[in-house]
Amino acid sequence: MTLRILLADDHAMFRSALRAVLGTQGDFECVAEVAVGRAAVAEAARLRPDVAILDVRMPKLDGLAAAEAILDGGRATTRVLVLTTFDVDEYVYRALAAGASGFLLKSLSPEELVAAIRVAARGDALVDPTVTRRLIARFAASIAPEDSPAIRAPGLDRLTARETEVLLLVAAGHSNSEIGAQLYIGDETVKSHVSRILAKLDLRDRVHAVVYAHRHGLLF
């Protein structure tokens, strides 16, 4: 199956580099390449690509607002990956809250980009453990927990003790293998726990599990 991809970045050279990476994969097709946010929204609505890769900083509607418009409250079928320079852009939380499937650093390797696109296309989320830990440190002060106690977070009482442990480790940015090592369980068992957590909390993917944990103050 061919994965249809939309590229949106206001730097022509960077777009060209992204397109070159896509061209190395026989099942990738770049269906549109745009330089402004409004064009990204229009082309996503017209072409319905499988994945849209959006730069955060674009003229005529930035990538975050474009992501919100493309995702349209969860009704869209297009998956969104947001590109960001971590030391400059501090809006990843807004992108994830809008429903983006993840974020990428512009310093990523071609192999990492390809892997990220495939992860997003299959309905999962890309959460790089190292980047997630850095994000947590940066955003913890700005993401205030809700007034109600963490134990009253919606749906949390449906989790088993083990599932709660796994949720907290996911929220702390640990990979499946790292969680398995800490809890002395296999990767497949971790995956099963994560799937049940997402289903019980009505979360789309593990990125939004991170958002859920921080929104409700589970790590404070």
Protein backbone atom coordinates (compact mmCIF):
# COMPACT_ATOMS: atom_id res chain seq x y z
CA MET A 1 0.00 0.00 0.00
CA THR A 2 1.31 3.44 -0.94
CA LEU A 3 1.54 6.04 1.83
CA ARG A 4 0.48 9.45 0.55
CA ILE A 5 2.35 12.28 2.27
CA LEU A 6 1.94 16.06 2.42
CA LEU A 7 5.00 18.23 3.16
CA ALA A 8 4.62 21.74 4.58
CA ASP A 9 7.68 23.87 5.33
CA ASP A 10 8.54 27.42 4.29
CA HIS A 11 12.18 26.56 3.55
CA ALA A 12 12.45 25.25 0.00
CA MET A 13 15.79 23.55 0.61
CA PHE A 14 14.47 21.65 3.63
CA ARG A 15 11.35 20.60 1.70
CA SER A 16 13.61 19.34 -1.06
CA ALA A 17 15.60 17.29 1.44
CA LEU A 18 12.41 15.81 2.88
CA ARG A 19 11.13 14.94 -0.57
CA ALA A 20 14.45 13.24 -1.36
CA VAL A 21 14.11 11.08 1.75
CA LEU A 22 10.56 10.12 0.76
CA GLY A 23 11.85 9.18 -2.68
CA THR A 24 14.05 6.47 -1.18
CA GLN A 25 10.96 4.50 -0.16
CA GLY A 26 9.07 2.66 -2.85
CA ASP A 27 5.76 2.87 -1.00
CA PHE A 28 5.94 6.62 -0.20
CA GLU A 29 4.36 9.23 -2.47
CA CYS A 30 4.65 12.98 -1.88
CA VAL A 31 1.24 14.20 -3.04
CA ALA A 32 1.77 17.88 -2.20
CA GLU A 33 4.53 20.24 -1.15
CA VAL A 34 3.55 23.65 0.25
CA ALA A 35 5.25 26.58 1.97
CA VAL A 36 2.45 28.13 4.05
CA GLY A 37 0.04 26.84 6.66
CA ARG A 38 -3.17 27.77 4.88
CA ALA A 39 -2.07 25.90 1.79
CA ALA A 40 -1.32 22.85 3.96
CA VAL A 41 -4.86 22.91 5.36
CA ALA A 42 -6.39 23.34 1.89
CA GLU A 43 -4.31 20.57 0.33
CA ALA A 44 -4.96 18.20 3.21
CA ALA A 45 -8.70 18.73 2.79
CA ARG A 46 -8.46 18.25 -0.98
CA LEU A 47 -6.08 15.30 -1.13
CA ARG A 48 -6.70 13.55 2.22
CA PRO A 49 -3.08 12.33 2.57
CA ASP A 50 -2.21 9.56 4.99
CA VAL A 51 0.38 11.71 6.78
CA ALA A 52 1.00 15.47 6.86
CA ILE A 53 4.39 16.71 8.00
CA LEU A 54 4.11 20.29 9.23
CA ASP A 55 6.80 22.73 10.23
CA VAL A 56 5.87 24.70 13.34
CA ARG A 57 6.95 28.05 11.95
CA MET A 58 5.25 28.92 8.68
CA PRO A 59 3.70 32.14 7.36
CA LYS A 60 -0.04 32.53 6.79
CA LEU A 61 -1.02 30.13 9.59
CA ASP A 62 1.64 28.39 11.61
CA GLY A 63 2.02 24.64 11.79
CA LEU A 64 0.19 24.32 15.09
CA ALA A 65 -2.91 26.13 13.87
CA ALA A 66 -2.69 24.15 10.64
CA ALA A 67 -2.55 20.90 12.62
CA GLU A 68 -5.64 21.91 14.59
CA ALA A 69 -7.51 22.68 11.36
CA ILE A 70 -6.41 19.50 9.59
CA LEU A 71 -7.23 17.24 12.53
CA ASP A 72 -10.57 18.99 13.09
CA GLY A 73 -11.40 17.59 16.50
CA GLY A 74 -10.37 14.04 15.67
CA ARG A 75 -12.64 13.60 12.63
CA ALA A 76 -9.87 13.63 10.02
CA THR A 77 -8.15 10.48 8.75
CA THR A 78 -4.84 12.27 8.08
CA ARG A 79 -2.14 11.75 10.68
CA VAL A 80 -0.02 14.78 11.54
CA LEU A 81 3.64 14.93 12.47
CA VAL A 82 4.90 18.32 13.63
CA LEU A 83 8.44 19.42 12.88
CA THR A 84 10.15 21.53 15.50
CA THR A 85 13.51 22.86 16.57
CA PHE A 86 13.31 21.95 20.24
CA ASP A 87 15.37 24.79 21.63
CA VAL A 88 13.17 27.34 19.87
CA ASP A 89 9.63 25.98 19.63
CA GLU A 90 7.77 25.33 22.87
CA TYR A 91 4.38 24.47 21.43
CA VAL A 92 4.55 20.68 21.23
CA TYR A 93 1.91 20.27 23.92
CA ARG A 94 -0.56 22.31 21.85
CA ALA A 95 0.13 20.12 18.82
CA LEU A 96 -0.42 16.92 20.79
CA ALA A 97 -3.55 18.30 22.42
CA ALA A 98 -4.88 19.00 18.92
CA GLY A 99 -4.42 15.33 18.10
CA ALA A 100 -1.06 15.21 16.34
CA SER A 101 0.53 11.77 16.23
CA GLY A 102 3.89 13.09 17.35
CA PHE A 103 6.67 15.49 16.73
CA LEU A 104 10.07 15.36 15.08
CA LEU A 105 13.24 17.31 15.61
CA LYS A 106 14.68 18.82 12.46
CA SER A 107 17.99 17.19 13.34
CA LEU A 108 16.54 13.71 12.84
CA SER A 109 18.18 11.28 10.47
CA PRO A 110 16.53 10.11 7.22
CA GLU A 111 16.01 6.68 8.79
CA GLU A 112 14.25 8.24 11.78
CA LEU A 113 12.00 10.28 9.49
CA VAL A 114 10.99 7.19 7.53
CA ALA A 115 10.30 5.29 10.75
CA ALA A 116 8.24 8.18 12.15
CA ILE A 117 6.07 8.34 9.04
CA ARG A 118 5.40 4.62 9.20
CA VAL A 119 4.56 4.80 12.91
CA ALA A 120 2.09 7.64 12.33
CA ALA A 121 0.53 5.99 9.27
CA ARG A 122 -0.33 2.83 11.17
CA GLY A 123 -2.14 4.88 13.81
CA ASP A 124 0.51 4.87 16.51
CA ALA A 125 2.54 7.76 17.89
CA LEU A 126 6.22 8.55 17.85
CA VAL A 127 7.56 9.36 21.30
CA ASP A 128 11.31 9.48 21.39
CA PRO A 129 12.25 8.74 25.01
CA THR A 130 15.11 11.24 25.13
CA VAL A 131 13.07 14.03 23.63
CA THR A 132 10.07 13.22 25.78
CA ARG A 133 12.13 13.56 28.95
CA ARG A 134 13.38 16.94 27.77
CA LEU A 135 9.84 18.00 26.94
CA ILE A 136 8.61 16.96 30.35
CA ALA A 137 11.28 19.05 32.00
CA ARG A 138 10.41 22.06 29.84
CA PHE A 139 6.64 21.77 30.02
CA ALA A 140 6.08 20.52 33.57
CA ALA A 141 6.03 24.04 34.95
CA SER A 142 3.54 25.24 32.36
CA ILE A 143 1.11 22.31 32.38
CA ALA A 144 -0.86 22.86 35.55
CA PRO A 145 -2.67 19.83 36.94
CA GLU A 146 -6.42 20.09 37.26
CA ASP A 147 -7.87 21.16 40.58
CA SER A 148 -9.21 17.70 41.38
CA PRO A 149 -6.80 15.20 42.95
CA ALA A 150 -4.85 13.00 40.55
CA ILE A 151 -6.61 9.88 41.82
CA ARG A 152 -9.86 11.33 40.45
CA ALA A 153 -8.53 11.68 36.92
CA PRO A 154 -11.26 10.35 34.61
CA GLY A 155 -10.94 6.64 33.96
CA LEU A 156 -7.93 6.13 36.21
CA ASP A 157 -9.89 3.92 38.58
CA ARG A 158 -10.44 1.46 35.72
CA LEU A 159 -6.72 0.69 35.52
CA THR A 160 -5.13 -2.15 37.42
CA ALA A 161 -2.15 -1.45 39.66
CA ARG A 162 0.20 -2.79 36.98
CA GLU A 163 -1.44 -0.70 34.25
CA THR A 164 -1.04 2.39 36.41
CA GLU A 165 2.67 1.61 36.78
CA VAL A 166 3.02 1.26 33.03
CA LEU A 167 1.11 4.51 32.42
CA LEU A 168 3.44 6.44 34.72
CA LEU A 169 6.51 4.98 33.01
CA VAL A 170 5.10 5.84 29.58
CA ALA A 171 4.42 9.38 30.80
CA ALA A 172 8.01 9.62 32.02
CA GLY A 173 9.21 8.92 28.49
CA HIS A 174 10.35 5.31 28.79
CA SER A 175 10.32 2.96 25.82
CA ASN A 176 8.65 -0.45 25.94
CA SER A 177 11.97 -2.20 26.46
CA GLU A 178 12.88 0.17 29.31
CA ILE A 179 9.49 -0.40 30.95
CA GLY A 180 9.87 -4.15 30.58
CA ALA A 181 13.31 -4.05 32.18
CA GLN A 182 12.06 -2.04 35.14
CA LEU A 183 8.98 -4.21 35.72
CA TYR A 184 10.62 -7.52 34.76
CA ILE A 185 8.12 -8.25 31.99
CA GLY A 186 8.51 -8.83 28.26
CA ASP A 187 8.01 -6.29 25.48
CA GLU A 188 4.83 -7.98 24.27
CA THR A 189 3.38 -7.82 27.76
CA VAL A 190 4.20 -4.12 27.91
CA LYS A 191 2.48 -3.60 24.55
CA SER A 192 -0.61 -5.41 25.85
CA HIS A 193 -0.70 -3.21 28.96
CA VAL A 194 -0.33 -0.05 26.86
CA SER A 195 -3.16 -1.15 24.54
CA ARG A 196 -5.47 -1.78 27.50
CA ILE A 197 -4.54 1.57 29.07
CA LEU A 198 -5.37 3.44 25.87
CA ALA A 199 -8.68 1.61 25.53
CA LYS A 200 -9.72 2.14 29.16
CA LEU A 201 -8.80 5.84 29.16
CA ASP A 202 -10.18 6.42 25.65
CA LEU A 203 -6.81 7.73 24.43
CA ARG A 204 -5.73 7.51 20.79
CA ASP A 205 -2.06 6.70 21.31
CA ARG A 206 0.79 6.85 23.81
CA VAL A 207 1.56 10.49 23.05
CA HIS A 208 -1.86 11.36 24.39
CA ALA A 209 -1.23 9.12 27.39
CA VAL A 210 1.67 11.46 28.20
CA VAL A 211 -0.63 14.47 27.81
CA TYR A 212 -3.27 12.78 30.02
CA ALA A 213 -0.77 12.07 32.79
CA HIS A 214 0.52 15.63 32.88
CA ARG A 215 -2.88 17.25 32.47
CA HIS A 216 -4.13 15.40 35.54
CA GLY A 217 -0.99 15.86 37.61
CA LEU A 218 -0.05 12.20 37.86
CA LEU A 219 3.67 12.95 37.91
CA PHE A 220 3.60 16.01 40.18
